[in-house]
Amino acid sequence: MTKAEFAQLMGCEKTVIGMVHLLPLPGSPRYGGSMRAVFEAALRDLKALEGAGVKAAIIENFGDVPYGTENEFITLACMTSVAAQLRERTTMKLGINVQYNCAVEEWGMAYASGANFIRVEAFVETRVGTHGITYPAAPALMREKGRYPAPTLLFCDVNTKHTEPLVPVPIADSIHEAIEERADALIVTGVVTGQNPTLEQVQEFAAAAGDTPVLLGSGVNEKNAAEFFAVADGAIIGSSFKEEGNVWNPVDPQRVQSFMRALTEAGYQV
């Protein structure tokens, strides 16, 4: 997918993607016992983003720590239910992200719920983190996509946060491999959640990606957004949109509005 095609599809020059971080789901250690509470918190955050002019959001099982590379069926079923209910209540572009790197499951959940895209942490790389070893999702995911075709886009990380490569591979090589395997957009992150990569790192990443869209996946805030958006095609915003900038808090509408206003004043059409 080219940058122009991406902008046309997302409906804006630069894409701002907010996060709907779900409360712990059934099957996870901290589940509170009420799916109604999970849904209501998700809807509240989604509407806060939508009301501030954000056009896209990722629904993520953020509360299901500690993450593994597999999830119980009930977790996936309940998350799909939430996503489907949110889909009925908004015209925003919606994405699915299941920790950790559960790409085939994400495809099925997007297929069932009507989500527009999924996020894949390890598309062409073998990564190591506290979740264990994550193997490249591309082989199984692309076969699943072939069996159950849909217009769902693939937003794929390269050298993603909270992980290290099992074997060192030049980032440019992984970028080229991801493009070859038909990633629709690529994500560049800092080392951990809430930490941004350097501008130089983003510039090098974008240069290697060529005409493939590049999204910032961590650490973008009101102060640095205009600078990063001069290079990237969009950003996924979690921590900066939350109350007090704390990723575990609900979305703060005023922080979102201030962020969007800063980008508009900088001349970006979001």
Protein backbone atom coordinates (compact mmCIF):
# COMPACT_ATOMS: atom_id res chain seq x y z
CA MET A 1 0.00 0.00 0.00
CA THR A 2 1.33 3.44 -0.91
CA LYS A 3 1.27 6.50 1.31
CA ALA A 4 -1.34 8.13 -0.93
CA GLU A 5 -3.57 5.05 -0.84
CA PHE A 6 -3.25 4.90 2.94
CA ALA A 7 -4.19 8.56 3.40
CA GLN A 8 -7.20 8.15 1.12
CA LEU A 9 -8.36 5.02 2.92
CA MET A 10 -7.94 6.50 6.40
CA GLY A 11 -9.61 9.73 5.33
CA CYS A 12 -6.90 12.18 6.39
CA GLU A 13 -3.41 13.40 5.53
CA LYS A 14 -1.95 12.20 8.84
CA THR A 15 -3.58 9.40 10.80
CA VAL A 16 -4.03 9.66 14.56
CA ILE A 17 -4.94 6.31 16.13
CA GLY A 18 -6.11 6.31 19.73
CA MET A 19 -6.05 3.34 22.09
CA VAL A 20 -9.02 1.61 23.69
CA HIS A 21 -7.21 -0.30 26.41
CA LEU A 22 -9.61 -2.94 27.68
CA LEU A 23 -9.93 -3.77 31.35
CA PRO A 24 -8.82 -7.33 32.22
CA LEU A 25 -10.88 -9.90 30.34
CA PRO A 26 -12.13 -13.34 31.42
CA GLY A 27 -9.23 -15.76 31.42
CA SER A 28 -6.72 -13.17 32.63
CA PRO A 29 -5.49 -12.96 36.25
CA ARG A 30 -7.05 -9.57 37.06
CA TYR A 31 -10.51 -9.99 35.54
CA GLY A 32 -12.98 -8.18 37.78
CA GLY A 33 -16.00 -10.38 37.06
CA SER A 34 -18.12 -7.98 34.98
CA MET A 35 -18.11 -7.89 31.18
CA ARG A 36 -20.52 -4.96 31.38
CA ALA A 37 -17.82 -2.96 33.16
CA VAL A 38 -15.29 -3.90 30.48
CA PHE A 39 -17.62 -2.77 27.69
CA GLU A 40 -18.71 0.46 29.37
CA ALA A 41 -15.10 1.53 30.03
CA ALA A 42 -14.20 0.74 26.42
CA LEU A 43 -17.16 2.69 25.04
CA ARG A 44 -16.36 5.67 27.26
CA ASP A 45 -12.78 5.82 25.97
CA LEU A 46 -13.86 5.32 22.36
CA LYS A 47 -16.39 8.14 22.55
CA ALA A 48 -13.84 10.42 24.22
CA LEU A 49 -11.50 9.85 21.28
CA GLU A 50 -14.25 10.23 18.70
CA GLY A 51 -15.57 13.40 20.30
CA ALA A 52 -12.13 15.00 20.04
CA GLY A 53 -11.90 14.28 16.32
CA VAL A 54 -9.79 11.11 16.33
CA LYS A 55 -10.75 8.97 13.33
CA ALA A 56 -9.25 5.59 14.30
CA ALA A 57 -8.67 3.47 17.40
CA ILE A 58 -7.12 0.14 18.34
CA ILE A 59 -8.97 -2.17 20.73
CA GLU A 60 -6.34 -4.00 22.80
CA ASN A 61 -6.47 -6.50 25.69
CA PHE A 62 -4.07 -4.24 27.56
CA GLY A 63 -5.27 -5.29 31.00
CA ASP A 64 -4.48 -8.97 30.50
CA VAL A 65 -0.99 -8.83 31.99
CA PRO A 66 1.21 -10.79 32.18
CA TYR A 67 0.98 -11.51 28.46
CA GLY A 68 1.66 -14.84 26.81
CA THR A 69 1.68 -15.91 23.19
CA GLU A 70 -1.64 -17.75 23.57
CA ASN A 71 -5.01 -16.79 25.06
CA GLU A 72 -7.93 -18.80 26.36
CA PHE A 73 -10.93 -19.12 24.05
CA ILE A 74 -13.14 -17.17 26.48
CA THR A 75 -10.73 -14.22 26.35
CA LEU A 76 -10.86 -14.09 22.56
CA ALA A 77 -14.64 -14.57 22.48
CA CYS A 78 -15.29 -11.78 24.98
CA MET A 79 -12.91 -9.39 23.24
CA THR A 80 -14.59 -10.10 19.89
CA SER A 81 -17.96 -9.35 21.49
CA VAL A 82 -16.71 -5.99 22.78
CA ALA A 83 -15.20 -5.12 19.40
CA ALA A 84 -18.43 -5.99 17.58
CA GLN A 85 -20.51 -3.86 19.96
CA LEU A 86 -18.12 -0.92 19.55
CA ARG A 87 -18.24 -1.35 15.77
CA GLU A 88 -22.01 -0.82 15.88
CA ARG A 89 -21.59 2.42 17.83
CA THR A 90 -19.03 4.33 15.75
CA THR A 91 -17.96 5.13 12.21
CA MET A 92 -14.30 5.32 13.28
CA LYS A 93 -11.73 2.98 11.76
CA LEU A 94 -11.20 0.23 14.35
CA GLY A 95 -8.26 -2.10 14.85
CA ILE A 96 -7.65 -5.24 16.89
CA ASN A 97 -4.50 -6.02 18.86
CA VAL A 98 -4.27 -9.19 20.98
CA GLN A 99 -1.25 -9.61 23.22
CA TYR A 100 1.02 -11.09 22.36
CA ASN A 101 1.37 -11.29 18.58
CA CYS A 102 -1.80 -13.38 18.22
CA ALA A 103 -2.15 -12.38 14.57
CA VAL A 104 -4.22 -15.29 13.27
CA GLU A 105 -6.68 -14.79 16.13
CA GLU A 106 -6.74 -11.06 15.38
CA TRP A 107 -7.63 -11.76 11.76
CA GLY A 108 -10.56 -13.92 12.78
CA MET A 109 -11.74 -11.39 15.36
CA ALA A 110 -11.57 -8.55 12.83
CA TYR A 111 -13.38 -10.75 10.31
CA ALA A 112 -16.18 -11.39 12.82
CA SER A 113 -16.46 -7.89 14.30
CA GLY A 114 -15.96 -5.75 11.21
CA ALA A 115 -12.72 -4.16 12.40
CA ASN A 116 -10.68 -2.39 9.72
CA PHE A 117 -7.14 -3.40 10.64
CA ILE A 118 -4.99 -5.44 13.00
CA ARG A 119 -1.63 -4.75 14.64
CA VAL A 120 1.03 -7.45 14.39
CA GLU A 121 4.04 -7.08 16.71
CA ALA A 122 6.27 -9.68 15.05
CA PHE A 123 5.36 -10.07 11.39
CA VAL A 124 8.69 -11.18 9.93
CA GLU A 125 10.95 -11.31 13.00
CA THR A 126 11.65 -13.66 15.89
CA ARG A 127 11.48 -11.57 19.06
CA VAL A 128 12.19 -12.32 22.72
CA GLY A 129 10.47 -10.65 25.68
CA THR A 130 8.80 -11.33 29.01
CA HIS A 131 6.03 -13.11 27.10
CA GLY A 132 8.54 -15.66 25.81
CA ILE A 133 9.70 -16.19 22.23
CA THR A 134 7.53 -14.80 19.45
CA TYR A 135 7.92 -16.26 15.98
CA PRO A 136 7.12 -14.52 12.68
CA ALA A 137 3.36 -14.32 12.17
CA ALA A 138 3.45 -13.78 8.41
CA PRO A 139 3.40 -17.43 7.22
CA ALA A 140 0.30 -18.46 9.19
CA LEU A 141 -1.41 -15.06 8.97
CA MET A 142 -1.15 -14.71 5.20
CA ARG A 143 -2.53 -18.21 4.73
CA GLU A 144 -5.45 -17.37 7.02
CA LYS A 145 -5.99 -14.19 5.05
CA GLY A 146 -6.05 -16.24 1.86
CA ARG A 147 -8.66 -18.62 3.28
CA TYR A 148 -10.86 -15.84 4.68
CA PRO A 149 -10.24 -12.76 2.52
CA ALA A 150 -11.32 -9.38 3.84
CA PRO A 151 -10.27 -5.74 3.35
CA THR A 152 -8.66 -5.76 6.82
CA LEU A 153 -5.29 -3.96 6.79
CA LEU A 154 -2.09 -5.22 8.41
CA PHE A 155 -0.20 -2.70 10.55
CA CYS A 156 3.09 -4.41 11.39
CA ASP A 157 5.83 -3.52 13.85
CA VAL A 158 9.51 -3.81 13.06
CA ASN A 159 11.91 -3.99 16.02
CA THR A 160 9.00 -3.51 18.39
CA LYS A 161 9.13 -2.23 21.98
CA HIS A 162 9.57 -4.48 25.03
CA THR A 163 11.44 -7.09 22.97
CA GLU A 164 14.84 -7.95 21.55
CA PRO A 165 15.63 -9.91 18.38
CA LEU A 166 16.54 -13.56 18.90
CA VAL A 167 19.25 -13.07 16.27
CA PRO A 168 20.40 -9.57 15.27
CA VAL A 169 19.06 -8.55 11.86
CA PRO A 170 19.50 -5.10 10.29
CA ILE A 171 16.26 -3.15 10.73
CA ALA A 172 16.28 -2.16 7.07
CA ASP A 173 16.34 -5.84 6.10
CA SER A 174 13.31 -6.57 8.30
CA ILE A 175 11.49 -3.57 6.83
CA HIS A 176 12.08 -4.80 3.31
CA GLU A 177 10.97 -8.31 4.28
CA ALA A 178 7.76 -6.96 5.86
CA ILE A 179 6.95 -5.01 2.71
CA GLU A 180 7.67 -8.09 0.60
CA GLU A 181 5.27 -10.10 2.79
CA ARG A 182 2.56 -7.47 2.14
CA ALA A 183 2.35 -5.41 5.30
CA ASP A 184 0.06 -2.44 4.60
CA ALA A 185 1.77 -0.08 7.06
CA LEU A 186 4.84 -0.34 9.28
CA ILE A 187 5.18 0.70 12.92
CA VAL A 188 8.30 2.11 14.56
CA THR A 189 8.48 2.36 18.37
CA GLY A 190 10.78 3.33 21.19
CA VAL A 191 12.15 0.79 23.64
CA VAL A 192 9.10 0.71 25.93
CA THR A 193 5.52 1.99 26.07
CA GLY A 194 5.42 5.78 26.36
CA GLN A 195 8.98 6.25 25.10
CA ASN A 196 9.49 7.66 21.63
CA PRO A 197 12.17 6.67 19.14
CA THR A 198 14.55 9.44 18.12
CA LEU A 199 13.76 11.59 15.11
CA GLU A 200 16.87 10.19 13.41
CA GLN A 201 15.63 6.63 13.97
CA VAL A 202 12.27 7.50 12.44
CA GLN A 203 13.94 9.17 9.47
CA GLU A 204 16.10 6.10 8.82
CA PHE A 205 13.07 3.83 9.23
CA ALA A 206 11.00 5.89 6.80
CA ALA A 207 13.82 5.99 4.27
CA ALA A 208 14.03 2.20 4.30
CA ALA A 209 10.23 1.91 4.03
CA GLY A 210 10.06 4.05 0.90
CA ASP A 211 6.46 4.63 -0.16
CA THR A 212 5.02 2.28 2.47
CA PRO A 213 3.19 4.17 5.25
CA VAL A 214 5.05 4.53 8.56
CA LEU A 215 3.31 4.93 11.92
CA LEU A 216 4.85 5.95 15.25
CA GLY A 217 3.92 3.35 17.85
CA SER A 218 5.02 4.90 21.15
CA GLY A 219 5.99 8.12 22.87
CA VAL A 220 4.25 10.65 20.63
CA ASN A 221 2.80 13.60 22.54
CA GLU A 222 1.57 17.13 21.98
CA LYS A 223 5.09 18.58 22.18
CA ASN A 224 6.83 16.30 19.67
CA ALA A 225 3.97 15.31 17.36
CA ALA A 226 4.44 18.02 14.73
CA GLU A 227 8.12 17.16 14.36
CA PHE A 228 7.47 13.43 14.01
CA PHE A 229 4.51 13.91 11.67
CA ALA A 230 6.80 15.70 9.23
CA VAL A 231 8.39 12.28 8.66
CA ALA A 232 5.73 9.70 9.58
CA ASP A 233 2.26 9.14 8.16
CA GLY A 234 0.58 8.85 11.53
CA ALA A 235 0.88 7.70 15.10
CA ILE A 236 -0.69 5.36 17.62
CA ILE A 237 -1.32 7.33 20.82
CA GLY A 238 -1.86 5.65 24.17
CA SER A 239 -0.22 7.21 27.21
CA SER A 240 -0.40 10.82 26.04
CA PHE A 241 -4.20 10.67 25.69
CA LYS A 242 -4.77 9.31 29.20
CA GLU A 243 -5.54 11.22 32.39
CA GLU A 244 -2.25 12.56 33.81
CA GLY A 245 -0.43 10.83 30.95
CA ASN A 246 -0.71 7.50 32.79
CA VAL A 247 -1.34 4.63 30.37
CA TRP A 248 -3.52 2.80 32.92
CA ASN A 249 -5.96 5.71 33.31
CA PRO A 250 -9.05 6.47 31.21
CA VAL A 251 -8.82 8.67 28.12
CA ASP A 252 -8.82 12.39 28.94
CA PRO A 253 -10.91 14.26 26.32
CA GLN A 254 -9.13 17.55 27.02
CA ARG A 255 -5.69 16.03 26.42
CA VAL A 256 -6.92 14.54 23.14
CA GLN A 257 -8.47 17.82 22.03
CA SER A 258 -5.28 19.72 22.85
CA PHE A 259 -3.20 17.21 20.87
CA MET A 260 -5.45 17.38 17.82
CA ARG A 261 -5.56 21.18 17.97
CA ALA A 262 -1.75 21.34 18.07
CA LEU A 263 -1.50 19.24 14.91
CA THR A 264 -4.12 21.32 13.13
CA GLU A 265 -2.33 24.53 14.08
CA ALA A 266 0.89 23.01 12.73
CA GLY A 267 -0.83 22.66 9.35
CA TYR A 268 -1.68 18.96 9.34
CA GLN A 269 -5.04 17.66 8.14
CA VAL A 270 -6.04 15.04 10.72
